[in-house]
Amino acid sequence: MENEPTVTVKTGRNDDLPNFAGPFVQGPAGERFVYIDIGTYAGQTNTPWSRRLKIPLSGITWDMLRSGKVLVARIPGPGKDWPAKLRL
């Protein structure tokens, strides 16, 4: 799965850390995050699943942003509450 939300980066109160903003960004400054909706949260109607992944942005530094590289979040497989037979 690939998701590329639009995020704006500004200088924060603490100039050492970027401040993220935009329609997909949530949370207070210094604790910003992006939700990725899955199943019924994403509008899918033919599934019993309803999930949201909370992707924290707090670990992203100015050096990482200035590197020009694409930032990637890797999320491990199914949640702990999924039935064992469905786990990868």
PDB file of N, CA and C in Angstrom:
ATOM      1  N   MET A   1       0.843  -1.155   0.000  1.00  0.00           N
ATOM      2  CA  MET A   1       0.000   0.000   0.000  1.00  0.00           C
ATOM      3  C   MET A   1       0.897   1.229   0.000  1.00  0.00           C
ATOM      4  N   GLU A   2       0.488   2.233  -0.722  1.00  0.00           N
ATOM      5  CA  GLU A   2       1.243   3.475  -0.777  1.00  0.00           C
ATOM      6  C   GLU A   2       0.298   4.630  -0.544  1.00  0.00           C
ATOM      7  N   ASN A   3       0.739   5.583   0.256  1.00  0.00           N
ATOM      8  CA  ASN A   3      -0.072   6.740   0.591  1.00  0.00           C
ATOM      9  C   ASN A   3       0.838   7.953   0.606  1.00  0.00           C
ATOM     10  N   GLU A   4       0.447   9.035  -0.082  1.00  0.00           N
ATOM     11  CA  GLU A   4       1.267  10.232  -0.154  1.00  0.00           C
ATOM     12  C   GLU A   4       0.437  11.461   0.221  1.00  0.00           C
ATOM     13  N   PRO A   5       0.194  11.659   1.525  1.00  0.00           N
ATOM     14  CA  PRO A   5      -0.592  12.826   1.932  1.00  0.00           C
ATOM     15  C   PRO A   5       0.203  14.121   1.747  1.00  0.00           C
ATOM     16  N   THR A   6      -0.501  15.206   1.463  1.00  0.00           N
ATOM     17  CA  THR A   6       0.137  16.508   1.341  1.00  0.00           C
ATOM     18  C   THR A   6       0.371  17.074   2.733  1.00  0.00           C
ATOM     19  N   VAL A   7       1.623  17.409   3.013  1.00  0.00           N
ATOM     20  CA  VAL A   7       2.001  17.940   4.320  1.00  0.00           C
ATOM     21  C   VAL A   7       2.849  19.184   4.102  1.00  0.00           C
ATOM     22  N   THR A   8       2.545  20.240   4.837  1.00  0.00           N
ATOM     23  CA  THR A   8       3.320  21.474   4.790  1.00  0.00           C
ATOM     24  C   THR A   8       4.272  21.480   5.981  1.00  0.00           C
ATOM     25  N   VAL A   9       5.479  21.979   5.754  1.00  0.00           N
ATOM     26  CA  VAL A   9       6.466  22.044   6.830  1.00  0.00           C
ATOM     27  C   VAL A   9       6.804  23.505   7.097  1.00  0.00           C
ATOM     28  N   LYS A  10       6.741  23.882   8.382  1.00  0.00           N
ATOM     29  CA  LYS A  10       7.053  25.246   8.792  1.00  0.00           C
ATOM     30  C   LYS A  10       8.072  25.205   9.930  1.00  0.00           C
ATOM     31  N   THR A  11       8.666  26.344  10.175  1.00  0.00           N
ATOM     32  CA  THR A  11       9.532  26.470  11.341  1.00  0.00           C
ATOM     33  C   THR A  11       8.639  26.489  12.569  1.00  0.00           C
ATOM     34  N   GLY A  12       8.977  25.673  13.548  1.00  0.00           N
ATOM     35  CA  GLY A  12       8.169  25.597  14.753  1.00  0.00           C
ATOM     36  C   GLY A  12       8.655  26.560  15.819  1.00  0.00           C
ATOM     37  N   ARG A  13       8.041  26.488  16.971  1.00  0.00           N
ATOM     38  CA  ARG A  13       8.466  27.305  18.111  1.00  0.00           C
ATOM     39  C   ARG A  13       9.905  26.989  18.483  1.00  0.00           C
ATOM     40  N   ASN A  14      10.223  25.710  18.415  1.00  0.00           N
ATOM     41  CA  ASN A  14      11.593  25.260  18.619  1.00  0.00           C
ATOM     42  C   ASN A  14      12.179  25.076  17.223  1.00  0.00           C
ATOM     43  N   ASP A  15      13.044  25.997  16.798  1.00  0.00           N
ATOM     44  CA  ASP A  15      13.572  25.967  15.433  1.00  0.00           C
ATOM     45  C   ASP A  15      14.329  24.689  15.096  1.00  0.00           C
ATOM     46  N   ASP A  16      14.670  23.887  16.108  1.00  0.00           N
ATOM     47  CA  ASP A  16      15.384  22.640  15.862  1.00  0.00           C
ATOM     48  C   ASP A  16      14.487  21.576  15.235  1.00  0.00           C
ATOM     49  N   LEU A  17      13.176  21.713  15.409  1.00  0.00           N
ATOM     50  CA  LEU A  17      12.247  20.697  14.907  1.00  0.00           C
ATOM     51  C   LEU A  17      11.241  21.306  13.944  1.00  0.00           C
ATOM     52  N   PRO A  18      10.934  20.603  12.854  1.00  0.00           N
ATOM     53  CA  PRO A  18       9.924  21.103  11.923  1.00  0.00           C
ATOM     54  C   PRO A  18       8.522  21.005  12.522  1.00  0.00           C
ATOM     55  N   ASN A  19       7.650  21.896  12.083  1.00  0.00           N
ATOM     56  CA  ASN A  19       6.247  21.889  12.498  1.00  0.00           C
ATOM     57  C   ASN A  19       5.422  21.518  11.273  1.00  0.00           C
ATOM     58  N   PHE A  20       4.695  20.439  11.345  1.00  0.00           N
ATOM     59  CA  PHE A  20       3.931  19.930  10.214  1.00  0.00           C
ATOM     60  C   PHE A  20       2.495  20.432  10.268  1.00  0.00           C
ATOM     61  N   ALA A  21       1.931  20.702   9.090  1.00  0.00           N
ATOM     62  CA  ALA A  21       0.554  21.179   8.997  1.00  0.00           C
ATOM     63  C   ALA A  21      -0.057  20.658   7.705  1.00  0.00           C
ATOM     64  N   GLY A  22      -1.358  20.801   7.593  1.00  0.00           N
ATOM     65  CA  GLY A  22      -2.066  20.391   6.381  1.00  0.00           C
ATOM     66  C   GLY A  22      -3.337  19.655   6.723  1.00  0.00           C
ATOM     67  N   PRO A  23      -4.134  19.372   5.706  1.00  0.00           N
ATOM     68  CA  PRO A  23      -5.438  18.751   5.945  1.00  0.00           C
ATOM     69  C   PRO A  23      -5.370  17.335   6.520  1.00  0.00           C
ATOM     70  N   PHE A  24      -4.255  16.658   6.376  1.00  0.00           N
ATOM     71  CA  PHE A  24      -4.132  15.281   6.882  1.00  0.00           C
ATOM     72  C   PHE A  24      -3.390  15.208   8.212  1.00  0.00           C
ATOM     73  N   VAL A  25      -2.815  16.321   8.659  1.00  0.00           N
ATOM     74  CA  VAL A  25      -2.001  16.346   9.871  1.00  0.00           C
ATOM     75  C   VAL A  25      -2.871  16.638  11.086  1.00  0.00           C
ATOM     76  N   GLN A  26      -2.663  15.875  12.146  1.00  0.00           N
ATOM     77  CA  GLN A  26      -3.428  16.053  13.375  1.00  0.00           C
ATOM     78  C   GLN A  26      -2.488  16.123  14.569  1.00  0.00           C
ATOM     79  N   GLY A  27      -3.014  16.556  15.706  1.00  0.00           N
ATOM     80  CA  GLY A  27      -2.263  16.591  16.949  1.00  0.00           C
ATOM     81  C   GLY A  27      -1.610  17.942  17.201  1.00  0.00           C
ATOM     82  N   PRO A  28      -1.181  18.152  18.451  1.00  0.00           N
ATOM     83  CA  PRO A  28      -0.540  19.418  18.817  1.00  0.00           C
ATOM     84  C   PRO A  28       0.894  19.495  18.290  1.00  0.00           C
ATOM     85  N   ALA A  29       1.429  20.701  18.207  1.00  0.00           N
ATOM     86  CA  ALA A  29       2.813  20.904  17.758  1.00  0.00           C
ATOM     87  C   ALA A  29       3.756  20.029  18.585  1.00  0.00           C
ATOM     88  N   GLY A  30       4.700  19.411  17.919  1.00  0.00           N
ATOM     89  CA  GLY A  30       5.641  18.524  18.590  1.00  0.00           C
ATOM     90  C   GLY A  30       5.155  17.095  18.714  1.00  0.00           C
ATOM     91  N   GLU A  31       3.854  16.878  18.479  1.00  0.00           N
ATOM     92  CA  GLU A  31       3.272  15.536  18.572  1.00  0.00           C
ATOM     93  C   GLU A  31       2.383  15.250  17.359  1.00  0.00           C
ATOM     94  N   ARG A  32       2.696  15.852  16.235  1.00  0.00           N
ATOM     95  CA  ARG A  32       1.860  15.704  15.038  1.00  0.00           C
ATOM     96  C   ARG A  32       1.900  14.266  14.511  1.00  0.00           C
ATOM     97  N   PHE A  33       0.815  13.886  13.825  1.00  0.00           N
ATOM     98  CA  PHE A  33       0.721  12.561  13.231  1.00  0.00           C
ATOM     99  C   PHE A  33      -0.260  12.593  12.063  1.00  0.00           C
ATOM    100  N   VAL A  34      -0.235  11.527  11.275  1.00  0.00           N
ATOM    101  CA  VAL A  34      -1.153  11.342  10.149  1.00  0.00           C
ATOM    102  C   VAL A  34      -1.843  10.004  10.358  1.00  0.00           C
ATOM    103  N   TYR A  35      -3.158   9.966  10.166  1.00  0.00           N
ATOM    104  CA  TYR A  35      -3.900   8.703  10.187  1.00  0.00           C
ATOM    105  C   TYR A  35      -4.016   8.177   8.766  1.00  0.00           C
ATOM    106  N   ILE A  36      -3.872   6.870   8.606  1.00  0.00           N
ATOM    107  CA  ILE A  36      -4.193   6.200   7.352  1.00  0.00           C
ATOM    108  C   ILE A  36      -5.379   5.298   7.647  1.00  0.00           C
ATOM    109  N   ASP A  37      -6.494   5.562   6.977  1.00  0.00           N
ATOM    110  CA  ASP A  37      -7.719   4.796   7.205  1.00  0.00           C
ATOM    111  C   ASP A  37      -7.723   3.520   6.374  1.00  0.00           C
ATOM    112  N   ILE A  38      -8.272   2.452   6.966  1.00  0.00           N
ATOM    113  CA  ILE A  38      -8.343   1.147   6.325  1.00  0.00           C
ATOM    114  C   ILE A  38      -9.749   0.588   6.509  1.00  0.00           C
ATOM    115  N   GLY A  39     -10.222  -0.164   5.533  1.00  0.00           N
ATOM    116  CA  GLY A  39     -11.534  -0.809   5.625  1.00  0.00           C
ATOM    117  C   GLY A  39     -12.666   0.200   5.641  1.00  0.00           C
ATOM    118  N   THR A  40     -13.612   0.036   6.574  1.00  0.00           N
ATOM    119  CA  THR A  40     -14.782   0.923   6.590  1.00  0.00           C
ATOM    120  C   THR A  40     -14.401   2.371   6.865  1.00  0.00           C
ATOM    121  N   TYR A  41     -13.288   2.606   7.607  1.00  0.00           N
ATOM    122  CA  TYR A  41     -12.830   3.988   7.834  1.00  0.00           C
ATOM    123  C   TYR A  41     -12.420   4.649   6.517  1.00  0.00           C
ATOM    124  N   ALA A  42     -12.010   3.835   5.542  1.00  0.00           N
ATOM    125  CA  ALA A  42     -11.589   4.354   4.242  1.00  0.00           C
ATOM    126  C   ALA A  42     -12.736   4.350   3.233  1.00  0.00           C
ATOM    127  N   GLY A  43     -13.935   3.995   3.693  1.00  0.00           N
ATOM    128  CA  GLY A  43     -15.091   3.999   2.806  1.00  0.00           C
ATOM    129  C   GLY A  43     -15.369   2.671   2.132  1.00  0.00           C
ATOM    130  N   GLN A  44     -14.601   1.645   2.434  1.00  0.00           N
ATOM    131  CA  GLN A  44     -14.828   0.329   1.853  1.00  0.00           C
ATOM    132  C   GLN A  44     -16.061  -0.283   2.514  1.00  0.00           C
ATOM    133  N   THR A  45     -16.989  -0.768   1.711  1.00  0.00           N
ATOM    134  CA  THR A  45     -18.252  -1.281   2.258  1.00  0.00           C
ATOM    135  C   THR A  45     -18.308  -2.805   2.361  1.00  0.00           C
ATOM    136  N   ASN A  46     -17.471  -3.507   1.622  1.00  0.00           N
ATOM    137  CA  ASN A  46     -17.553  -4.976   1.591  1.00  0.00           C
ATOM    138  C   ASN A  46     -16.491  -5.628   2.480  1.00  0.00           C
ATOM    139  N   THR A  47     -16.267  -5.066   3.667  1.00  0.00           N
ATOM    140  CA  THR A  47     -15.265  -5.611   4.576  1.00  0.00           C
ATOM    141  C   THR A  47     -15.748  -5.522   6.024  1.00  0.00           C
ATOM    142  N   PRO A  48     -15.346  -6.472   6.854  1.00  0.00           N
ATOM    143  CA  PRO A  48     -15.677  -6.381   8.282  1.00  0.00           C
ATOM    144  C   PRO A  48     -14.643  -5.547   9.060  1.00  0.00           C
ATOM    145  N   TRP A  49     -13.574  -5.109   8.404  1.00  0.00           N
ATOM    146  CA  TRP A  49     -12.473  -4.434   9.085  1.00  0.00           C
ATOM    147  C   TRP A  49     -12.661  -2.928   9.153  1.00  0.00           C
ATOM    148  N   SER A  50     -12.285  -2.386  10.278  1.00  0.00           N
ATOM    149  CA  SER A  50     -12.246  -0.936  10.490  1.00  0.00           C
ATOM    150  C   SER A  50     -10.963  -0.637  11.254  1.00  0.00           C
ATOM    151  N   ARG A  51     -10.042   0.010  10.589  1.00  0.00           N
ATOM    152  CA  ARG A  51      -8.736   0.270  11.199  1.00  0.00           C
ATOM    153  C   ARG A  51      -8.233   1.659  10.825  1.00  0.00           C
ATOM    154  N   ARG A  52      -7.387   2.204  11.698  1.00  0.00           N
ATOM    155  CA  ARG A  52      -6.643   3.424  11.388  1.00  0.00           C
ATOM    156  C   ARG A  52      -5.204   3.205  11.855  1.00  0.00           C
ATOM    157  N   LEU A  53      -4.274   3.570  11.002  1.00  0.00           N
ATOM    158  CA  LEU A  53      -2.867   3.544  11.391  1.00  0.00           C
ATOM    159  C   LEU A  53      -2.472   4.956  11.778  1.00  0.00           C
ATOM    160  N   LYS A  54      -1.864   5.109  12.923  1.00  0.00           N
ATOM    161  CA  LYS A  54      -1.407   6.420  13.386  1.00  0.00           C
ATOM    162  C   LYS A  54       0.089   6.507  13.107  1.00  0.00           C
ATOM    163  N   ILE A  55       0.460   7.366  12.174  1.00  0.00           N
ATOM    164  CA  ILE A  55       1.851   7.512  11.763  1.00  0.00           C
ATOM    165  C   ILE A  55       2.422   8.779  12.399  1.00  0.00           C
ATOM    166  N   PRO A  56       3.289   8.647  13.412  1.00  0.00           N
ATOM    167  CA  PRO A  56       3.846   9.830  14.069  1.00  0.00           C
ATOM    168  C   PRO A  56       4.827  10.563  13.162  1.00  0.00           C
ATOM    169  N   LEU A  57       4.820  11.884  13.236  1.00  0.00           N
ATOM    170  CA  LEU A  57       5.746  12.714  12.476  1.00  0.00           C
ATOM    171  C   LEU A  57       6.833  13.302  13.374  1.00  0.00           C
ATOM    172  N   SER A  58       6.737  13.054  14.670  1.00  0.00           N
ATOM    173  CA  SER A  58       7.628  13.679  15.648  1.00  0.00           C
ATOM    174  C   SER A  58       9.093  13.276  15.497  1.00  0.00           C
ATOM    175  N   GLY A  59       9.383  12.166  14.869  1.00  0.00           N
ATOM    176  CA  GLY A  59      10.773  11.736  14.707  1.00  0.00           C
ATOM    177  C   GLY A  59      11.456  12.296  13.470  1.00  0.00           C
ATOM    178  N   ILE A  60      10.734  13.088  12.689  1.00  0.00           N
ATOM    179  CA  ILE A  60      11.290  13.644  11.446  1.00  0.00           C
ATOM    180  C   ILE A  60      12.031  14.937  11.760  1.00  0.00           C
ATOM    181  N   THR A  61      13.283  15.011  11.334  1.00  0.00           N
ATOM    182  CA  THR A  61      14.125  16.174  11.615  1.00  0.00           C
ATOM    183  C   THR A  61      14.328  17.022  10.363  1.00  0.00           C
ATOM    184  N   TRP A  62      14.851  18.242  10.572  1.00  0.00           N
ATOM    185  CA  TRP A  62      15.179  19.107   9.433  1.00  0.00           C
ATOM    186  C   TRP A  62      16.222  18.451   8.542  1.00  0.00           C
ATOM    187  N   ASP A  63      17.201  17.769   9.121  1.00  0.00           N
ATOM    188  CA  ASP A  63      18.227  17.097   8.316  1.00  0.00           C
ATOM    189  C   ASP A  63      17.610  16.040   7.405  1.00  0.00           C
ATOM    190  N   MET A  64      16.636  15.305   7.916  1.00  0.00           N
ATOM    191  CA  MET A  64      15.962  14.296   7.104  1.00  0.00           C
ATOM    192  C   MET A  64      15.228  14.956   5.938  1.00  0.00           C
ATOM    193  N   LEU A  65      14.556  16.063   6.210  1.00  0.00           N
ATOM    194  CA  LEU A  65      13.805  16.756   5.159  1.00  0.00           C
ATOM    195  C   LEU A  65      14.741  17.377   4.122  1.00  0.00           C
ATOM    196  N   ARG A  66      15.835  17.939   4.574  1.00  0.00           N
ATOM    197  CA  ARG A  66      16.786  18.596   3.661  1.00  0.00           C
ATOM    198  C   ARG A  66      17.585  17.601   2.832  1.00  0.00           C
ATOM    199  N   SER A  67      17.585  16.342   3.214  1.00  0.00           N
ATOM    200  CA  SER A  67      18.360  15.328   2.484  1.00  0.00           C
ATOM    201  C   SER A  67      17.830  15.110   1.070  1.00  0.00           C
ATOM    202  N   GLY A  68      16.572  15.480   0.835  1.00  0.00           N
ATOM    203  CA  GLY A  68      15.974  15.281  -0.488  1.00  0.00           C
ATOM    204  C   GLY A  68      15.497  13.862  -0.722  1.00  0.00           C
ATOM    205  N   LYS A  69      15.641  13.004   0.265  1.00  0.00           N
ATOM    206  CA  LYS A  69      15.206  11.611   0.124  1.00  0.00           C
ATOM    207  C   LYS A  69      13.726  11.477   0.459  1.00  0.00           C
ATOM    208  N   VAL A  70      13.111  10.453  -0.081  1.00  0.00           N
ATOM    209  CA  VAL A  70      11.721  10.146   0.233  1.00  0.00           C
ATOM    210  C   VAL A  70      11.676   9.480   1.607  1.00  0.00           C
ATOM    211  N   LEU A  71      10.785   9.943   2.468  1.00  0.00           N
ATOM    212  CA  LEU A  71      10.627   9.335   3.789  1.00  0.00           C
ATOM    213  C   LEU A  71       9.599   8.219   3.687  1.00  0.00           C
ATOM    214  N   VAL A  72       9.928   7.070   4.257  1.00  0.00           N
ATOM    215  CA  VAL A  72       9.069   5.888   4.168  1.00  0.00           C
ATOM    216  C   VAL A  72       8.785   5.362   5.568  1.00  0.00           C
ATOM    217  N   ALA A  73       7.532   5.046   5.836  1.00  0.00           N
ATOM    218  CA  ALA A  73       7.148   4.403   7.095  1.00  0.00           C
ATOM    219  C   ALA A  73       6.811   2.953   6.782  1.00  0.00           C
ATOM    220  N   ARG A  74       7.442   2.036   7.449  1.00  0.00           N
ATOM    221  CA  ARG A  74       7.142   0.616   7.274  1.00  0.00           C
ATOM    222  C   ARG A  74       6.352   0.152   8.490  1.00  0.00           C
ATOM    223  N   ILE A  75       5.198  -0.422   8.215  1.00  0.00           N
ATOM    224  CA  ILE A  75       4.289  -0.847   9.275  1.00  0.00           C
ATOM    225  C   ILE A  75       4.230  -2.369   9.270  1.00  0.00           C
ATOM    226  N   PRO A  76       4.468  -3.019  10.426  1.00  0.00           N
ATOM    227  CA  PRO A  76       4.368  -4.483  10.462  1.00  0.00           C
ATOM    228  C   PRO A  76       2.942  -4.947  10.178  1.00  0.00           C
ATOM    229  N   GLY A  77       2.794  -6.197   9.802  1.00  0.00           N
ATOM    230  CA  GLY A  77       1.524  -6.794   9.399  1.00  0.00           C
ATOM    231  C   GLY A  77       0.341  -6.575  10.319  1.00  0.00           C
ATOM    232  N   PRO A  78      -0.501  -7.566  10.479  1.00  0.00           N
ATOM    233  CA  PRO A  78      -1.765  -7.430  11.192  1.00  0.00           C
ATOM    234  C   PRO A  78      -1.620  -7.031  12.662  1.00  0.00           C
ATOM    235  N   GLY A  79      -2.675  -6.442  13.165  1.00  0.00           N
ATOM    236  CA  GLY A  79      -2.714  -6.058  14.572  1.00  0.00           C
ATOM    237  C   GLY A  79      -2.759  -7.268  15.491  1.00  0.00           C
ATOM    238  N   LYS A  80      -2.446  -7.062  16.749  1.00  0.00           N
ATOM    239  CA  LYS A  80      -2.397  -8.149  17.724  1.00  0.00           C
ATOM    240  C   LYS A  80      -3.770  -8.795  17.948  1.00  0.00           C
ATOM    241  N   ASP A  81      -4.837  -8.036  17.661  1.00  0.00           N
ATOM    242  CA  ASP A  81      -6.171  -8.572  17.913  1.00  0.00           C
ATOM    243  C   ASP A  81      -6.758  -9.322  16.726  1.00  0.00           C
ATOM    244  N   TRP A  82      -6.009  -9.445  15.634  1.00  0.00           N
ATOM    245  CA  TRP A  82      -6.504 -10.193  14.483  1.00  0.00           C
ATOM    246  C   TRP A  82      -6.445 -11.688  14.798  1.00  0.00           C
ATOM    247  N   PRO A  83      -7.384 -12.473  14.259  1.00  0.00           N
ATOM    248  CA  PRO A  83      -7.344 -13.931  14.495  1.00  0.00           C
ATOM    249  C   PRO A  83      -6.034 -14.528  13.992  1.00  0.00           C
ATOM    250  N   ALA A  84      -5.500 -15.485  14.736  1.00  0.00           N
ATOM    251  CA  ALA A  84      -4.215 -16.109  14.392  1.00  0.00           C
ATOM    252  C   ALA A  84      -4.197 -16.660  12.975  1.00  0.00           C
ATOM    253  N   LYS A  85      -5.325 -17.200  12.510  1.00  0.00           N
ATOM    254  CA  LYS A  85      -5.349 -17.789  11.160  1.00  0.00           C
ATOM    255  C   LYS A  85      -5.179 -16.729  10.052  1.00  0.00           C
ATOM    256  N   LEU A  86      -5.374 -15.460  10.381  1.00  0.00           N
ATOM    257  CA  LEU A  86      -5.222 -14.402   9.387  1.00  0.00           C
ATOM    258  C   LEU A  86      -3.863 -13.725   9.463  1.00  0.00           C
ATOM    259  N   ARG A  87      -3.065 -14.066  10.465  1.00  0.00           N
ATOM    260  CA  ARG A  87      -1.757 -13.423  10.613  1.00  0.00           C
ATOM    261  C   ARG A  87      -0.795 -13.902   9.538  1.00  0.00           C
ATOM    262  N   LEU A  88       0.061 -13.013   9.124  1.00  0.00           N
ATOM    263  CA  LEU A  88       1.043 -13.351   8.084  1.00  0.00           C
ATOM    264  C   LEU A  88       2.250 -14.016   8.693  1.00  0.00           C
TER     265      LEU A  88
END
